Amino acid sequence: MSCPRRVQQKCLSRLKVRAQEGNPDPKPDDKGQKEGQPREEGQTTAIITGAVSIIIGVLYLGLVQFMNVRGGELLPPPPEAYDHAFD
């Protein structure tokens, strides 16, 4: 547990009191996890999934930009292409 220097004595005294009470480690608060605690499996999965999602999105936008830069105009097929479609 890291404490700022100005409150180090208070921090040490609180830890001593907790140790005497049989609770040496403080419980994590609702703000997040304490330093040194491993992430839960769900958190790691969420981070990896989010990163993969962002990478796929950026690649998709890059592909669309590349296709637009090529300048190829999309035209409908010629009428002759429909002659054999409805036979």
C-alpha atoms as a PDB file:
ATOM      1  CA  MET A   1       0.000   0.000   0.000  1.00  0.00           C
ATOM      2  CA  SER A   2       1.511   3.330  -0.980  1.00  0.00           C
ATOM      3  CA  CYS A   3       0.871   6.461   1.044  1.00  0.00           C
ATOM      4  CA  PRO A   4       1.909  10.069   0.408  1.00  0.00           C
ATOM      5  CA  ARG A   5       4.779  11.140   2.637  1.00  0.00           C
ATOM      6  CA  ARG A   6       2.753  13.736   4.550  1.00  0.00           C
ATOM      7  CA  VAL A   7       0.263  11.134   5.737  1.00  0.00           C
ATOM      8  CA  GLN A   8       2.621   8.199   6.047  1.00  0.00           C
ATOM      9  CA  GLN A   9       2.519   8.192   9.848  1.00  0.00           C
ATOM     10  CA  LYS A  10      -1.297   8.199   9.868  1.00  0.00           C
ATOM     11  CA  CYS A  11      -1.313   5.424   7.307  1.00  0.00           C
ATOM     12  CA  LEU A  12       1.108   3.299   9.319  1.00  0.00           C
ATOM     13  CA  SER A  13      -0.874   3.800  12.500  1.00  0.00           C
ATOM     14  CA  ARG A  14      -4.097   2.766  10.738  1.00  0.00           C
ATOM     15  CA  LEU A  15      -2.414  -0.354   9.411  1.00  0.00           C
ATOM     16  CA  LYS A  16      -1.188  -1.214  12.911  1.00  0.00           C
ATOM     17  CA  VAL A  17      -4.717  -0.823  14.305  1.00  0.00           C
ATOM     18  CA  ARG A  18      -6.131  -2.995  11.538  1.00  0.00           C
ATOM     19  CA  ALA A  19      -3.464  -5.623  12.162  1.00  0.00           C
ATOM     20  CA  GLN A  20      -4.331  -5.692  15.849  1.00  0.00           C
ATOM     21  CA  GLU A  21      -8.019  -6.073  14.986  1.00  0.00           C
ATOM     22  CA  GLY A  22      -7.233  -9.011  12.728  1.00  0.00           C
ATOM     23  CA  ASN A  23      -7.867  -7.174   9.447  1.00  0.00           C
ATOM     24  CA  PRO A  24      -4.400  -6.329   8.033  1.00  0.00           C
ATOM     25  CA  ASP A  25      -5.544  -5.484   4.494  1.00  0.00           C
ATOM     26  CA  PRO A  26      -8.208  -2.871   3.837  1.00  0.00           C
ATOM     27  CA  LYS A  27     -11.106  -3.950   1.663  1.00  0.00           C
ATOM     28  CA  PRO A  28     -11.207  -2.448  -1.818  1.00  0.00           C
ATOM     29  CA  ASP A  29     -13.547   0.494  -2.126  1.00  0.00           C
ATOM     30  CA  ASP A  30     -16.172   1.098  -4.804  1.00  0.00           C
ATOM     31  CA  LYS A  31     -13.922   3.473  -6.756  1.00  0.00           C
ATOM     32  CA  GLY A  32     -11.816   0.704  -8.253  1.00  0.00           C
ATOM     33  CA  GLN A  33      -9.330  -1.943  -7.419  1.00  0.00           C
ATOM     34  CA  LYS A  34      -6.395  -1.533  -5.102  1.00  0.00           C
ATOM     35  CA  GLU A  35      -2.848  -1.502  -6.370  1.00  0.00           C
ATOM     36  CA  GLY A  36      -1.394  -4.965  -6.824  1.00  0.00           C
ATOM     37  CA  GLN A  37      -4.687  -6.825  -7.085  1.00  0.00           C
ATOM     38  CA  PRO A  38      -5.171  -8.902 -10.236  1.00  0.00           C
ATOM     39  CA  ARG A  39      -7.996  -8.068 -12.590  1.00  0.00           C
ATOM     40  CA  GLU A  40     -10.979 -10.315 -12.644  1.00  0.00           C
ATOM     41  CA  GLU A  41     -11.406 -12.517 -15.692  1.00  0.00           C
ATOM     42  CA  GLY A  42     -14.415 -10.543 -16.902  1.00  0.00           C
ATOM     43  CA  GLN A  43     -12.497  -7.269 -16.862  1.00  0.00           C
ATOM     44  CA  THR A  44      -9.648  -8.682 -18.915  1.00  0.00           C
ATOM     45  CA  THR A  45     -12.076 -10.158 -21.422  1.00  0.00           C
ATOM     46  CA  ALA A  46     -13.897  -6.828 -21.714  1.00  0.00           C
ATOM     47  CA  ILE A  47     -10.661  -4.929 -22.320  1.00  0.00           C
ATOM     48  CA  ILE A  48      -9.477  -7.372 -24.985  1.00  0.00           C
ATOM     49  CA  THR A  49     -12.887  -7.401 -26.684  1.00  0.00           C
ATOM     50  CA  GLY A  50     -13.007  -3.602 -26.705  1.00  0.00           C
ATOM     51  CA  ALA A  51      -9.514  -3.345 -28.195  1.00  0.00           C
ATOM     52  CA  VAL A  52     -10.351  -5.866 -30.933  1.00  0.00           C
ATOM     53  CA  SER A  53     -13.569  -3.988 -31.692  1.00  0.00           C
ATOM     54  CA  ILE A  54     -11.717  -0.688 -32.063  1.00  0.00           C
ATOM     55  CA  ILE A  55      -9.089  -2.288 -34.319  1.00  0.00           C
ATOM     56  CA  ILE A  56     -11.772  -3.817 -36.565  1.00  0.00           C
ATOM     57  CA  GLY A  57     -13.574  -0.452 -36.766  1.00  0.00           C
ATOM     58  CA  VAL A  58     -10.404   1.416 -37.728  1.00  0.00           C
ATOM     59  CA  LEU A  59      -9.526  -1.204 -40.355  1.00  0.00           C
ATOM     60  CA  TYR A  60     -13.045  -0.974 -41.812  1.00  0.00           C
ATOM     61  CA  LEU A  61     -12.854   2.820 -42.053  1.00  0.00           C
ATOM     62  CA  GLY A  62      -9.435   2.519 -43.709  1.00  0.00           C
ATOM     63  CA  LEU A  63     -10.802   0.037 -46.250  1.00  0.00           C
ATOM     64  CA  VAL A  64     -13.734   2.322 -47.068  1.00  0.00           C
ATOM     65  CA  GLN A  65     -11.388   5.282 -47.533  1.00  0.00           C
ATOM     66  CA  PHE A  66      -9.156   3.211 -49.804  1.00  0.00           C
ATOM     67  CA  MET A  67     -12.107   2.117 -51.915  1.00  0.00           C
ATOM     68  CA  ASN A  68     -13.323   5.726 -52.245  1.00  0.00           C
ATOM     69  CA  VAL A  69      -9.893   7.033 -53.210  1.00  0.00           C
ATOM     70  CA  ARG A  70      -9.641   4.589 -56.116  1.00  0.00           C
ATOM     71  CA  GLY A  71     -12.271   6.652 -57.885  1.00  0.00           C
ATOM     72  CA  GLY A  72     -14.212   3.789 -59.381  1.00  0.00           C
ATOM     73  CA  GLU A  73     -17.778   4.854 -60.019  1.00  0.00           C
ATOM     74  CA  LEU A  74     -20.436   2.278 -59.255  1.00  0.00           C
ATOM     75  CA  LEU A  75     -22.735   1.771 -62.237  1.00  0.00           C
ATOM     76  CA  PRO A  76     -25.701  -0.548 -62.597  1.00  0.00           C
ATOM     77  CA  PRO A  77     -25.266  -3.544 -64.887  1.00  0.00           C
ATOM     78  CA  PRO A  78     -26.171  -3.064 -68.549  1.00  0.00           C
ATOM     79  CA  PRO A  79     -29.698  -4.039 -69.647  1.00  0.00           C
ATOM     80  CA  GLU A  80     -28.315  -7.078 -71.495  1.00  0.00           C
ATOM     81  CA  ALA A  81     -27.410  -8.599 -68.136  1.00  0.00           C
ATOM     82  CA  TYR A  82     -31.090  -8.846 -67.246  1.00  0.00           C
ATOM     83  CA  ASP A  83     -32.061 -10.784 -70.398  1.00  0.00           C
ATOM     84  CA  HIS A  84     -31.093 -14.183 -68.953  1.00  0.00           C
ATOM     85  CA  ALA A  85     -32.121 -13.486 -65.376  1.00  0.00           C
ATOM     86  CA  PHE A  86     -35.860 -13.869 -65.914  1.00  0.00           C
ATOM     87  CA  ASP A  87     -35.964 -16.840 -68.345  1.00  0.00           C
END
